């Protein structure tokens, strides 16, 4: 098993990666990247990740970026954990990867339009946030329909996609701009995901990292 080191900014999507490693029972080191101090833009970090983003996984010193790729790699490291819902065939695994890529390429940035609209414009962020709210609620409507009558994203089987969907959902909902009472199935899905032991362990690891790194969030 390779030595795993995860660079993470608390509250960022690397939480999903932490949850995956906790679910799989993998041994890993967690290191903070303090965005408040612009540590993600320091030359030493950008040598590993030229994009200056998180998460970043080092596997025996080799860097791997992009959460969907990292989660796919962890699935191959610990197939018994069933982090992705597939039957081992090429097409089934591609379908599972499509869900991960949708989370990272569509749902995630759309949620960020609500949470951090200033990252999408040098002008008034209000129109970005308004457009983001419209797009997020369209996604929420689709997700509500999908999760109605089933426990998990893939039906009866949990996968790490559930955690990524929950992270995106909570990121958008934290703005108070999404009427969550319209989405009872989504709310129930969040409670199920948060009720898993791996989610609780991941939350504890993240809180410990934030405290040890002295990271404080405004407001």
N, C-alpha and C. Protein backbone atom coordinates (compact mmCIF):
# COMPACT_ATOMS: atom_id res chain seq x y z
N UNK A 1 0.85 -1.19 0.00
CA UNK A 1 0.00 0.00 0.00
C UNK A 1 0.89 1.25 0.00
N UNK A 2 0.64 2.21 -0.90
CA UNK A 2 1.47 3.42 -0.94
C UNK A 2 1.26 4.30 0.30
N UNK A 3 2.27 5.11 0.59
CA UNK A 3 2.13 6.12 1.63
C UNK A 3 1.25 7.26 1.08
N UNK A 4 0.18 7.58 1.78
CA UNK A 4 -0.79 8.57 1.32
C UNK A 4 -0.72 9.82 2.18
N UNK A 5 -0.58 10.97 1.54
CA UNK A 5 -0.61 12.26 2.23
C UNK A 5 -1.63 13.13 1.50
N UNK A 6 -2.62 13.61 2.23
CA UNK A 6 -3.67 14.44 1.63
C UNK A 6 -3.53 15.88 2.12
N UNK A 7 -3.41 16.79 1.16
CA UNK A 7 -3.42 18.23 1.46
C UNK A 7 -4.86 18.72 1.32
N UNK A 8 -5.33 19.44 2.36
CA UNK A 8 -6.76 19.77 2.44
C UNK A 8 -6.95 21.11 3.13
N UNK A 9 -7.90 21.86 2.66
CA UNK A 9 -8.38 23.07 3.33
C UNK A 9 -9.72 22.72 3.97
N UNK A 10 -9.82 22.80 5.30
CA UNK A 10 -11.10 22.49 5.94
C UNK A 10 -12.28 23.19 5.28
N UNK A 11 -13.38 22.45 5.17
CA UNK A 11 -14.64 22.86 4.53
C UNK A 11 -14.61 22.69 3.01
N UNK A 12 -13.43 22.45 2.43
CA UNK A 12 -13.35 22.24 0.99
C UNK A 12 -13.73 20.80 0.64
N UNK A 13 -13.78 20.52 -0.66
CA UNK A 13 -14.30 19.23 -1.11
C UNK A 13 -13.39 18.06 -0.79
N UNK A 14 -12.16 18.35 -0.31
CA UNK A 14 -11.30 17.28 0.15
C UNK A 14 -11.90 16.49 1.30
N UNK A 15 -12.94 17.05 1.93
CA UNK A 15 -13.65 16.30 2.96
C UNK A 15 -14.17 14.98 2.38
N UNK A 16 -14.59 15.00 1.14
CA UNK A 16 -15.09 13.78 0.50
C UNK A 16 -13.97 12.75 0.42
N UNK A 17 -12.77 13.21 0.11
CA UNK A 17 -11.61 12.32 0.03
C UNK A 17 -11.30 11.73 1.40
N UNK A 18 -11.34 12.56 2.44
CA UNK A 18 -11.12 12.07 3.80
C UNK A 18 -12.14 10.99 4.14
N UNK A 19 -13.40 11.25 3.80
CA UNK A 19 -14.46 10.28 4.08
C UNK A 19 -14.18 8.96 3.36
N UNK A 20 -13.69 9.05 2.12
CA UNK A 20 -13.38 7.85 1.35
C UNK A 20 -12.28 7.04 2.03
N UNK A 21 -11.24 7.70 2.50
CA UNK A 21 -10.14 6.99 3.14
C UNK A 21 -10.56 6.40 4.47
N UNK A 22 -11.43 7.11 5.19
CA UNK A 22 -11.95 6.57 6.45
C UNK A 22 -12.84 5.35 6.18
N UNK A 23 -13.67 5.44 5.17
CA UNK A 23 -14.54 4.32 4.81
C UNK A 23 -13.72 3.09 4.42
N UNK A 24 -12.62 3.33 3.70
CA UNK A 24 -11.79 2.23 3.22
C UNK A 24 -10.80 1.73 4.26
N UNK A 25 -10.69 2.45 5.38
CA UNK A 25 -9.75 2.04 6.41
C UNK A 25 -8.30 2.22 6.00
N UNK A 26 -8.04 3.20 5.13
CA UNK A 26 -6.68 3.45 4.66
C UNK A 26 -5.90 4.28 5.67
N UNK A 27 -4.61 4.05 5.73
CA UNK A 27 -3.73 4.85 6.56
C UNK A 27 -3.27 6.06 5.74
N UNK A 28 -3.38 7.26 6.32
CA UNK A 28 -3.01 8.46 5.58
C UNK A 28 -2.63 9.57 6.54
N UNK A 29 -1.86 10.51 6.02
CA UNK A 29 -1.51 11.72 6.76
C UNK A 29 -2.30 12.88 6.17
N UNK A 30 -2.78 13.74 7.04
CA UNK A 30 -3.58 14.89 6.61
C UNK A 30 -2.79 16.16 6.89
N UNK A 31 -2.62 16.98 5.87
CA UNK A 31 -1.90 18.24 6.01
C UNK A 31 -2.78 19.40 5.58
N UNK A 32 -2.71 20.48 6.34
CA UNK A 32 -3.55 21.65 6.07
C UNK A 32 -2.92 22.55 5.02
N UNK A 33 -3.78 23.12 4.19
CA UNK A 33 -3.40 24.19 3.28
C UNK A 33 -4.29 25.37 3.64
N UNK A 34 -3.69 26.38 4.28
CA UNK A 34 -4.46 27.51 4.79
C UNK A 34 -4.66 28.55 3.69
N UNK A 35 -5.87 28.57 3.14
CA UNK A 35 -6.18 29.53 2.08
C UNK A 35 -6.15 30.96 2.61
N UNK A 36 -6.47 31.13 3.90
CA UNK A 36 -6.49 32.48 4.48
C UNK A 36 -5.09 33.11 4.42
N UNK A 37 -4.07 32.26 4.50
CA UNK A 37 -2.69 32.73 4.44
C UNK A 37 -2.09 32.52 3.05
N UNK A 38 -2.94 32.14 2.10
CA UNK A 38 -2.54 31.94 0.71
C UNK A 38 -1.44 30.88 0.57
N UNK A 39 -1.50 29.87 1.42
CA UNK A 39 -0.51 28.80 1.33
C UNK A 39 -0.64 28.01 0.03
N UNK A 40 -1.84 28.03 -0.56
CA UNK A 40 -2.04 27.31 -1.82
C UNK A 40 -1.34 27.99 -3.00
N UNK A 41 -0.87 29.22 -2.80
CA UNK A 41 -0.18 29.95 -3.86
C UNK A 41 1.33 30.02 -3.61
N UNK A 42 1.79 29.40 -2.55
CA UNK A 42 3.22 29.39 -2.28
C UNK A 42 3.94 28.49 -3.29
N UNK A 43 5.16 28.89 -3.71
CA UNK A 43 5.88 28.13 -4.74
C UNK A 43 6.05 26.65 -4.41
N UNK A 44 6.32 26.34 -3.15
CA UNK A 44 6.53 24.94 -2.77
C UNK A 44 5.28 24.10 -3.03
N UNK A 45 4.10 24.68 -2.72
CA UNK A 45 2.86 23.93 -2.94
C UNK A 45 2.54 23.86 -4.44
N UNK A 46 2.78 24.96 -5.15
CA UNK A 46 2.43 24.99 -6.57
C UNK A 46 3.36 24.12 -7.42
N UNK A 47 4.50 23.73 -6.87
CA UNK A 47 5.32 22.74 -7.56
C UNK A 47 4.60 21.39 -7.60
N UNK A 48 3.86 21.11 -6.55
CA UNK A 48 3.10 19.86 -6.50
C UNK A 48 1.78 19.99 -7.23
N UNK A 49 1.15 21.15 -7.11
CA UNK A 49 -0.15 21.39 -7.75
C UNK A 49 -0.11 22.76 -8.43
N UNK A 50 0.26 22.82 -9.72
CA UNK A 50 0.38 24.10 -10.41
C UNK A 50 -0.90 24.93 -10.39
N UNK A 51 -2.04 24.27 -10.20
CA UNK A 51 -3.30 25.01 -10.15
C UNK A 51 -3.55 25.67 -8.80
N UNK A 52 -2.75 25.30 -7.79
CA UNK A 52 -2.91 25.90 -6.48
C UNK A 52 -4.26 25.61 -5.85
N UNK A 53 -4.71 24.35 -6.00
CA UNK A 53 -6.02 23.97 -5.47
C UNK A 53 -5.88 22.80 -4.50
N UNK A 54 -6.98 22.47 -3.87
CA UNK A 54 -7.08 21.26 -3.05
C UNK A 54 -8.30 20.49 -3.53
N UNK A 55 -8.32 19.18 -3.28
CA UNK A 55 -7.32 18.40 -2.58
C UNK A 55 -6.15 18.04 -3.50
N UNK A 56 -5.06 17.66 -2.83
CA UNK A 56 -3.89 17.12 -3.50
C UNK A 56 -3.49 15.87 -2.73
N UNK A 57 -3.37 14.77 -3.43
CA UNK A 57 -2.94 13.52 -2.81
C UNK A 57 -1.55 13.17 -3.29
N UNK A 58 -0.67 12.90 -2.34
CA UNK A 58 0.64 12.33 -2.67
C UNK A 58 0.58 10.84 -2.39
N UNK A 59 0.90 10.05 -3.38
CA UNK A 59 0.96 8.59 -3.24
C UNK A 59 2.41 8.18 -3.46
N UNK A 60 3.09 7.83 -2.35
CA UNK A 60 4.53 7.58 -2.40
C UNK A 60 5.26 8.75 -3.04
N UNK A 61 4.80 9.96 -2.70
CA UNK A 61 5.46 11.18 -3.17
C UNK A 61 5.01 11.68 -4.52
N UNK A 62 4.22 10.90 -5.25
CA UNK A 62 3.75 11.32 -6.58
C UNK A 62 2.42 12.05 -6.43
N UNK A 63 2.28 13.26 -7.00
CA UNK A 63 1.06 14.04 -6.82
C UNK A 63 -0.07 13.61 -7.74
N UNK A 64 -1.26 13.61 -7.16
CA UNK A 64 -2.49 13.35 -7.92
C UNK A 64 -3.49 14.43 -7.57
N UNK A 65 -4.03 15.09 -8.58
CA UNK A 65 -4.98 16.18 -8.38
C UNK A 65 -6.34 15.82 -8.95
N UNK A 66 -7.32 16.66 -8.67
CA UNK A 66 -8.71 16.53 -9.09
C UNK A 66 -9.42 15.44 -8.29
N UNK A 67 -10.44 15.85 -7.58
CA UNK A 67 -11.09 14.95 -6.63
C UNK A 67 -11.65 13.69 -7.30
N UNK A 68 -12.23 13.83 -8.46
CA UNK A 68 -12.80 12.65 -9.13
C UNK A 68 -11.70 11.62 -9.42
N UNK A 69 -10.52 12.09 -9.85
CA UNK A 69 -9.41 11.18 -10.13
C UNK A 69 -8.88 10.55 -8.85
N UNK A 70 -8.78 11.35 -7.80
CA UNK A 70 -8.30 10.84 -6.52
C UNK A 70 -9.24 9.76 -5.99
N UNK A 71 -10.53 10.03 -6.04
CA UNK A 71 -11.51 9.07 -5.52
C UNK A 71 -11.52 7.79 -6.35
N UNK A 72 -11.34 7.92 -7.65
CA UNK A 72 -11.25 6.74 -8.51
C UNK A 72 -10.02 5.92 -8.15
N UNK A 73 -8.91 6.59 -7.90
CA UNK A 73 -7.67 5.90 -7.50
C UNK A 73 -7.86 5.17 -6.17
N UNK A 74 -8.49 5.82 -5.20
CA UNK A 74 -8.72 5.18 -3.90
C UNK A 74 -9.61 3.95 -4.05
N UNK A 75 -10.54 4.00 -4.98
CA UNK A 75 -11.40 2.84 -5.23
C UNK A 75 -10.58 1.65 -5.71
N UNK A 76 -9.55 1.91 -6.50
CA UNK A 76 -8.70 0.81 -6.98
C UNK A 76 -7.77 0.31 -5.88
N UNK A 77 -7.40 1.20 -4.95
CA UNK A 77 -6.54 0.79 -3.84
C UNK A 77 -7.28 -0.13 -2.86
N UNK A 78 -8.56 0.15 -2.66
CA UNK A 78 -9.34 -0.60 -1.68
C UNK A 78 -10.66 -1.04 -2.30
N UNK A 79 -10.63 -1.94 -3.26
CA UNK A 79 -11.87 -2.35 -3.94
C UNK A 79 -12.89 -2.98 -3.01
N UNK A 80 -12.41 -3.58 -1.91
CA UNK A 80 -13.34 -4.22 -0.97
C UNK A 80 -14.22 -3.20 -0.26
N UNK A 81 -13.80 -1.93 -0.22
CA UNK A 81 -14.60 -0.89 0.43
C UNK A 81 -15.78 -0.45 -0.43
N UNK A 82 -15.73 -0.77 -1.72
CA UNK A 82 -16.82 -0.42 -2.66
C UNK A 82 -17.14 1.08 -2.60
N UNK A 83 -16.11 1.88 -2.74
CA UNK A 83 -16.29 3.33 -2.74
C UNK A 83 -17.13 3.78 -3.93
N UNK A 84 -16.98 3.08 -5.05
CA UNK A 84 -17.79 3.35 -6.23
C UNK A 84 -18.70 2.17 -6.49
N UNK A 85 -19.90 2.46 -6.94
CA UNK A 85 -20.89 1.41 -7.17
C UNK A 85 -20.78 0.90 -8.60
N UNK A 86 -20.04 -0.22 -8.78
CA UNK A 86 -19.92 -0.82 -10.10
C UNK A 86 -19.68 -2.32 -9.94
N UNK A 87 -19.88 -3.05 -11.01
CA UNK A 87 -19.75 -4.51 -10.94
C UNK A 87 -18.40 -5.01 -11.47
N UNK A 88 -17.49 -4.08 -11.71
CA UNK A 88 -16.17 -4.46 -12.20
C UNK A 88 -16.02 -4.37 -13.70
N UNK A 89 -17.13 -4.32 -14.43
CA UNK A 89 -17.04 -4.20 -15.89
C UNK A 89 -16.64 -2.78 -16.27
N UNK A 90 -16.07 -2.64 -17.45
CA UNK A 90 -15.60 -1.34 -17.91
C UNK A 90 -16.74 -0.33 -17.99
N UNK A 91 -17.90 -0.77 -18.51
CA UNK A 91 -19.01 0.17 -18.67
C UNK A 91 -19.58 0.57 -17.32
N UNK A 92 -19.74 -0.40 -16.41
CA UNK A 92 -20.29 -0.10 -15.09
C UNK A 92 -19.39 0.87 -14.34
N UNK A 93 -18.08 0.68 -14.43
CA UNK A 93 -17.16 1.58 -13.74
C UNK A 93 -17.20 2.96 -14.38
N UNK A 94 -17.34 3.02 -15.70
CA UNK A 94 -17.43 4.31 -16.38
C UNK A 94 -18.68 5.07 -15.94
N UNK A 95 -19.78 4.34 -15.73
CA UNK A 95 -21.00 4.98 -15.24
C UNK A 95 -20.78 5.59 -13.86
N UNK A 96 -20.09 4.86 -12.99
CA UNK A 96 -19.79 5.38 -11.66
C UNK A 96 -18.89 6.61 -11.74
N UNK A 97 -17.91 6.57 -12.64
CA UNK A 97 -17.03 7.71 -12.83
C UNK A 97 -17.79 8.91 -13.38
N UNK A 98 -18.78 8.66 -14.23
CA UNK A 98 -19.59 9.75 -14.77
C UNK A 98 -20.28 10.51 -13.64
N UNK A 99 -20.76 9.79 -12.63
CA UNK A 99 -21.41 10.44 -11.49
C UNK A 99 -20.41 11.29 -10.71
N UNK A 100 -19.19 10.76 -10.51
CA UNK A 100 -18.16 11.53 -9.82
C UNK A 100 -17.80 12.79 -10.60
N UNK A 101 -17.63 12.65 -11.90
CA UNK A 101 -17.26 13.79 -12.74
C UNK A 101 -18.37 14.82 -12.77
N UNK A 102 -19.62 14.37 -12.77
CA UNK A 102 -20.75 15.30 -12.70
C UNK A 102 -20.69 16.10 -11.40
N UNK A 103 -20.38 15.42 -10.30
CA UNK A 103 -20.26 16.13 -9.02
C UNK A 103 -19.19 17.21 -9.10
N UNK A 104 -18.02 16.85 -9.63
CA UNK A 104 -16.89 17.78 -9.61
C UNK A 104 -16.98 18.86 -10.68
N UNK A 105 -17.56 18.53 -11.83
CA UNK A 105 -17.55 19.47 -12.95
C UNK A 105 -18.83 20.27 -13.10
N UNK A 106 -19.93 19.79 -12.52
CA UNK A 106 -21.22 20.48 -12.67
C UNK A 106 -21.79 20.94 -11.33
N UNK A 107 -22.06 20.00 -10.44
CA UNK A 107 -22.71 20.36 -9.18
C UNK A 107 -21.81 21.23 -8.31
N UNK A 108 -20.54 20.84 -8.19
CA UNK A 108 -19.60 21.56 -7.34
C UNK A 108 -19.46 23.04 -7.75
N UNK A 109 -19.09 23.35 -9.00
CA UNK A 109 -18.95 24.76 -9.36
C UNK A 109 -20.26 25.54 -9.30
N UNK A 110 -21.38 24.86 -9.55
CA UNK A 110 -22.66 25.55 -9.45
C UNK A 110 -22.94 25.93 -8.01
N UNK A 111 -22.66 25.04 -7.07
CA UNK A 111 -22.83 25.36 -5.64
C UNK A 111 -21.91 26.50 -5.24
N UNK A 112 -20.72 26.52 -5.81
CA UNK A 112 -19.76 27.58 -5.51
C UNK A 112 -20.22 28.94 -6.04
N UNK A 113 -21.02 28.93 -7.07
CA UNK A 113 -21.57 30.21 -7.56
C UNK A 113 -22.41 30.88 -6.49
N UNK A 114 -23.05 30.07 -5.65
CA UNK A 114 -23.81 30.63 -4.53
C UNK A 114 -22.90 31.01 -3.38
N UNK A 115 -21.99 30.08 -3.04
CA UNK A 115 -21.17 30.24 -1.84
C UNK A 115 -20.05 31.26 -2.03
N UNK A 116 -19.41 31.24 -3.20
CA UNK A 116 -18.27 32.12 -3.45
C UNK A 116 -18.40 32.79 -4.82
N UNK A 117 -19.45 33.59 -5.04
CA UNK A 117 -19.66 34.18 -6.37
C UNK A 117 -18.52 35.09 -6.81
N UNK A 118 -17.75 35.62 -5.85
CA UNK A 118 -16.67 36.53 -6.19
C UNK A 118 -15.59 35.84 -7.00
N UNK A 119 -15.54 34.50 -6.94
CA UNK A 119 -14.54 33.75 -7.70
C UNK A 119 -14.89 33.67 -9.19
N UNK A 120 -16.09 34.10 -9.56
CA UNK A 120 -16.55 33.97 -10.94
C UNK A 120 -16.64 35.30 -11.67
N UNK A 121 -16.30 36.38 -11.00
CA UNK A 121 -16.43 37.68 -11.64
C UNK A 121 -15.55 38.72 -10.94
N UNK A 122 -15.13 39.73 -11.69
CA UNK A 122 -14.42 40.87 -11.11
C UNK A 122 -15.36 42.05 -10.90
N UNK A 123 -16.62 41.82 -11.18
CA UNK A 123 -17.61 42.88 -11.05
C UNK A 123 -18.60 42.52 -9.94
N UNK A 124 -19.80 43.03 -9.99
CA UNK A 124 -20.81 42.76 -8.98
C UNK A 124 -21.12 41.27 -8.95
N UNK A 125 -20.92 40.60 -7.80
CA UNK A 125 -21.17 39.16 -7.75
C UNK A 125 -22.65 38.79 -7.68
N UNK A 126 -23.54 39.77 -7.44
CA UNK A 126 -24.96 39.46 -7.27
C UNK A 126 -25.56 38.72 -8.46
N UNK A 127 -25.30 39.13 -9.71
CA UNK A 127 -25.87 38.38 -10.84
C UNK A 127 -25.35 36.95 -10.91
N UNK A 128 -24.09 36.73 -10.54
CA UNK A 128 -23.54 35.37 -10.53
C UNK A 128 -24.28 34.52 -9.51
N UNK A 129 -24.50 35.09 -8.34
CA UNK A 129 -25.19 34.36 -7.28
C UNK A 129 -26.63 34.07 -7.67
N UNK A 130 -27.27 35.02 -8.32
CA UNK A 130 -28.65 34.81 -8.77
C UNK A 130 -28.73 33.70 -9.81
N UNK A 131 -27.78 33.71 -10.75
CA UNK A 131 -27.75 32.66 -11.78
C UNK A 131 -27.42 31.31 -11.14
N UNK A 132 -26.52 31.33 -10.17
CA UNK A 132 -26.17 30.11 -9.46
C UNK A 132 -27.36 29.54 -8.70
N UNK A 133 -28.14 30.41 -8.08
CA UNK A 133 -29.32 29.96 -7.34
C UNK A 133 -30.32 29.27 -8.26
N UNK A 134 -30.50 29.83 -9.43
CA UNK A 134 -31.41 29.24 -10.42
C UNK A 134 -30.92 27.86 -10.86
N UNK A 135 -29.61 27.77 -11.14
CA UNK A 135 -29.03 26.50 -11.60
C UNK A 135 -29.03 25.45 -10.49
N UNK A 136 -28.72 25.86 -9.27
CA UNK A 136 -28.70 24.92 -8.14
C UNK A 136 -30.08 24.35 -7.89
N UNK A 137 -31.10 25.20 -7.94
CA UNK A 137 -32.44 24.70 -7.66
C UNK A 137 -32.92 23.73 -8.75
N UNK A 138 -32.43 23.93 -9.98
CA UNK A 138 -32.74 22.95 -11.04
C UNK A 138 -32.09 21.61 -10.73
N UNK A 139 -30.85 21.65 -10.24
CA UNK A 139 -30.16 20.42 -9.85
C UNK A 139 -30.85 19.78 -8.66
N UNK A 140 -31.23 20.59 -7.69
CA UNK A 140 -31.92 20.06 -6.51
C UNK A 140 -33.22 19.37 -6.90
N UNK A 141 -33.93 19.93 -7.84
CA UNK A 141 -35.18 19.30 -8.29
C UNK A 141 -34.91 17.93 -8.91
N UNK A 142 -33.86 17.82 -9.71
CA UNK A 142 -33.48 16.54 -10.30
C UNK A 142 -33.06 15.54 -9.22
N UNK A 143 -32.28 16.02 -8.26
CA UNK A 143 -31.80 15.14 -7.19
C UNK A 143 -32.94 14.70 -6.28
N UNK A 144 -33.87 15.59 -6.03
CA UNK A 144 -35.03 15.24 -5.20
C UNK A 144 -35.81 14.10 -5.85
N UNK A 145 -36.00 14.19 -7.16
CA UNK A 145 -36.72 13.13 -7.88
C UNK A 145 -35.94 11.82 -7.82
N UNK A 146 -34.65 11.90 -7.96
CA UNK A 146 -33.83 10.69 -7.95
C UNK A 146 -33.83 10.02 -6.57
N UNK A 147 -33.75 10.81 -5.52
CA UNK A 147 -33.62 10.27 -4.17
C UNK A 147 -34.96 9.92 -3.52
N UNK A 148 -36.04 10.31 -4.13
CA UNK A 148 -37.36 9.95 -3.60
C UNK A 148 -37.57 8.45 -3.80
N UNK A 149 -37.81 7.75 -2.72
CA UNK A 149 -38.07 6.32 -2.81
C UNK A 149 -36.83 5.45 -2.79
N UNK A 150 -35.63 6.04 -2.64
CA UNK A 150 -34.43 5.22 -2.52
C UNK A 150 -33.48 5.89 -1.53
N UNK A 151 -32.68 5.07 -0.87
CA UNK A 151 -31.81 5.58 0.20
C UNK A 151 -30.58 6.29 -0.32
N UNK A 152 -30.00 5.77 -1.40
CA UNK A 152 -28.70 6.27 -1.86
C UNK A 152 -28.73 6.63 -3.34
N UNK A 153 -27.70 7.32 -3.77
CA UNK A 153 -27.62 7.78 -5.16
C UNK A 153 -27.77 6.63 -6.15
N UNK A 154 -27.18 5.48 -5.80
CA UNK A 154 -27.23 4.32 -6.68
C UNK A 154 -28.35 3.35 -6.33
N UNK A 155 -29.24 3.75 -5.45
CA UNK A 155 -30.36 2.89 -5.06
C UNK A 155 -30.24 2.43 -3.64
N UNK A 156 -29.95 1.15 -3.44
CA UNK A 156 -29.84 0.58 -2.10
C UNK A 156 -28.40 0.55 -1.60
N UNK A 157 -27.45 0.96 -2.42
CA UNK A 157 -26.04 0.81 -2.08
C UNK A 157 -25.37 2.17 -1.93
N UNK A 158 -24.75 2.39 -0.77
CA UNK A 158 -23.97 3.61 -0.54
C UNK A 158 -22.73 3.62 -1.42
N UNK A 159 -22.33 4.80 -1.84
CA UNK A 159 -21.03 4.98 -2.49
C UNK A 159 -20.50 6.35 -2.12
N UNK A 160 -19.25 6.61 -2.44
CA UNK A 160 -18.66 7.91 -2.11
C UNK A 160 -19.33 9.04 -2.89
N UNK A 161 -20.03 8.71 -3.97
CA UNK A 161 -20.80 9.72 -4.70
C UNK A 161 -21.83 10.36 -3.77
N UNK A 162 -22.41 9.56 -2.87
CA UNK A 162 -23.38 10.11 -1.92
C UNK A 162 -22.76 11.22 -1.09
N UNK A 163 -21.53 11.03 -0.65
CA UNK A 163 -20.86 12.04 0.17
C UNK A 163 -20.56 13.29 -0.65
N UNK A 164 -20.15 13.10 -1.90
CA UNK A 164 -19.87 14.27 -2.75
C UNK A 164 -21.16 15.05 -3.01
N UNK A 165 -22.25 14.34 -3.27
CA UNK A 165 -23.53 15.00 -3.48
C UNK A 165 -23.94 15.77 -2.22
N UNK A 166 -23.76 15.16 -1.06
CA UNK A 166 -24.11 15.82 0.20
C UNK A 166 -23.23 17.04 0.43
N UNK A 167 -21.93 16.93 0.14
CA UNK A 167 -21.05 18.08 0.33
C UNK A 167 -21.49 19.26 -0.56
N UNK A 168 -21.77 18.98 -1.82
CA UNK A 168 -22.23 20.04 -2.73
C UNK A 168 -23.55 20.64 -2.25
N UNK A 169 -24.45 19.76 -1.82
CA UNK A 169 -25.76 20.21 -1.34
C UNK A 169 -25.62 21.13 -0.14
N UNK A 170 -24.81 20.71 0.83
CA UNK A 170 -24.64 21.50 2.05
C UNK A 170 -23.90 22.81 1.78
N UNK A 171 -22.99 22.80 0.82
CA UNK A 171 -22.29 24.02 0.44
C UNK A 171 -23.28 25.05 -0.10
N UNK A 172 -24.18 24.60 -0.97
CA UNK A 172 -25.19 25.51 -1.52
C UNK A 172 -26.19 25.94 -0.45
N UNK A 173 -26.63 24.98 0.36
CA UNK A 173 -27.66 25.27 1.38
C UNK A 173 -27.14 26.19 2.47
N UNK A 174 -25.82 26.18 2.71
CA UNK A 174 -25.25 27.01 3.78
C UNK A 174 -25.41 28.50 3.53
N UNK A 175 -25.71 28.87 2.30
CA UNK A 175 -25.91 30.29 1.98
C UNK A 175 -27.28 30.79 2.41
N UNK A 176 -28.21 29.86 2.69
CA UNK A 176 -29.56 30.26 3.04
C UNK A 176 -30.39 30.70 1.85
N UNK A 177 -29.86 30.48 0.65
CA UNK A 177 -30.54 30.94 -0.56
C UNK A 177 -31.36 29.84 -1.22
N UNK A 178 -31.31 28.64 -0.66
CA UNK A 178 -32.05 27.51 -1.23
C UNK A 178 -33.15 27.10 -0.25
N UNK A 179 -34.42 27.09 -0.67
CA UNK A 179 -35.51 26.70 0.23
C UNK A 179 -35.52 25.18 0.47
N UNK A 180 -34.75 24.74 1.46
CA UNK A 180 -34.54 23.31 1.68
C UNK A 180 -35.82 22.57 2.06
N UNK A 181 -36.82 23.28 2.54
CA UNK A 181 -38.07 22.60 2.92
C UNK A 181 -38.79 22.04 1.69
N UNK A 182 -38.37 22.44 0.51
CA UNK A 182 -38.97 21.90 -0.72
C UNK A 182 -38.39 20.53 -1.09
N UNK A 183 -37.35 20.12 -0.39
CA UNK A 183 -36.61 18.93 -0.81
C UNK A 183 -36.47 17.93 0.34
N UNK A 184 -37.56 17.31 0.76
CA UNK A 184 -37.49 16.37 1.89
C UNK A 184 -36.63 15.14 1.63
N UNK A 185 -36.63 14.63 0.41
CA UNK A 185 -35.81 13.45 0.10
C UNK A 185 -34.33 13.79 0.20
N UNK A 186 -33.96 14.99 -0.23
CA UNK A 186 -32.57 15.44 -0.11
C UNK A 186 -32.19 15.57 1.35
N UNK A 187 -33.08 16.13 2.15
CA UNK A 187 -32.81 16.27 3.58
C UNK A 187 -32.62 14.93 4.25
N UNK A 188 -33.43 13.95 3.89
CA UNK A 188 -33.30 12.61 4.46
C UNK A 188 -31.99 11.96 4.02
N UNK A 189 -31.60 12.20 2.78
CA UNK A 189 -30.34 11.67 2.25
C UNK A 189 -29.15 12.22 3.03
N UNK A 190 -29.17 13.51 3.33
CA UNK A 190 -28.10 14.12 4.11
C UNK A 190 -28.00 13.46 5.48
N UNK A 191 -29.12 13.24 6.13
CA UNK A 191 -29.11 12.62 7.46
C UNK A 191 -28.55 11.20 7.41
N UNK A 192 -28.90 10.45 6.38
CA UNK A 192 -28.37 9.09 6.25
C UNK A 192 -26.86 9.10 6.07
N UNK A 193 -26.39 9.99 5.20
CA UNK A 193 -24.95 10.06 4.94
C UNK A 193 -24.19 10.49 6.20
N UNK A 194 -24.71 11.47 6.90
CA UNK A 194 -24.06 11.97 8.10
C UNK A 194 -24.11 10.95 9.24
N UNK A 195 -25.03 10.00 9.15
CA UNK A 195 -25.17 8.99 10.19
C UNK A 195 -24.17 7.85 10.07
N UNK A 196 -23.43 7.79 8.98
CA UNK A 196 -22.44 6.72 8.81
C UNK A 196 -21.19 7.02 9.64
N UNK A 197 -20.60 5.96 10.18
CA UNK A 197 -19.43 6.12 11.05
C UNK A 197 -18.27 6.79 10.33
N UNK A 198 -18.09 6.48 9.04
CA UNK A 198 -16.97 7.08 8.30
C UNK A 198 -17.15 8.58 8.15
N UNK A 199 -18.38 9.04 8.02
CA UNK A 199 -18.65 10.48 7.91
C UNK A 199 -18.28 11.16 9.21
N UNK A 200 -18.65 10.54 10.33
CA UNK A 200 -18.34 11.11 11.65
C UNK A 200 -16.82 11.16 11.87
N UNK A 201 -16.13 10.09 11.49
CA UNK A 201 -14.67 10.08 11.65
C UNK A 201 -14.01 11.14 10.77
N UNK A 202 -14.49 11.27 9.54
CA UNK A 202 -13.95 12.28 8.64
C UNK A 202 -14.17 13.69 9.19
N UNK A 203 -15.34 13.93 9.74
CA UNK A 203 -15.63 15.24 10.34
C UNK A 203 -14.69 15.53 11.49
N UNK A 204 -14.43 14.50 12.32
CA UNK A 204 -13.53 14.68 13.46
C UNK A 204 -12.11 14.97 12.99
N UNK A 205 -11.65 14.26 11.96
CA UNK A 205 -10.30 14.50 11.42
C UNK A 205 -10.19 15.91 10.85
N UNK A 206 -11.23 16.35 10.16
CA UNK A 206 -11.22 17.70 9.60
C UNK A 206 -11.19 18.76 10.69
N UNK A 207 -12.02 18.57 11.73
CA UNK A 207 -12.04 19.53 12.84
C UNK A 207 -10.69 19.59 13.54
N UNK A 208 -10.08 18.43 13.72
CA UNK A 208 -8.77 18.36 14.35
C UNK A 208 -7.73 19.10 13.52
N UNK A 209 -7.78 18.92 12.20
CA UNK A 209 -6.85 19.60 11.30
C UNK A 209 -7.04 21.11 11.38
N UNK A 210 -8.28 21.56 11.35
CA UNK A 210 -8.56 22.99 11.41
C UNK A 210 -8.03 23.60 12.70
N UNK A 211 -8.23 22.90 13.80
CA UNK A 211 -7.78 23.40 15.10
C UNK A 211 -6.27 23.43 15.18
N UNK A 212 -5.62 22.35 14.76
CA UNK A 212 -4.16 22.28 14.86
C UNK A 212 -3.47 23.29 13.96
N UNK A 213 -4.11 23.62 12.82
CA UNK A 213 -3.54 24.58 11.88
C UNK A 213 -3.91 26.02 12.22
N UNK A 214 -4.80 26.19 13.20
CA UNK A 214 -5.23 27.52 13.60
C UNK A 214 -6.00 28.27 12.54
N UNK A 215 -6.77 27.52 11.76
CA UNK A 215 -7.55 28.14 10.67
C UNK A 215 -8.89 28.65 11.25
N UNK A 216 -9.15 29.92 11.03
CA UNK A 216 -10.39 30.53 11.49
C UNK A 216 -11.12 31.11 10.29
N UNK A 217 -12.43 30.93 10.28
CA UNK A 217 -13.25 31.44 9.20
C UNK A 217 -14.00 32.70 9.65
N UNK A 218 -14.08 33.70 8.81
CA UNK A 218 -14.82 34.92 9.19
C UNK A 218 -16.30 34.63 9.37
N UNK A 219 -16.91 35.34 10.30
CA UNK A 219 -18.36 35.24 10.54
C UNK A 219 -18.77 33.93 11.10
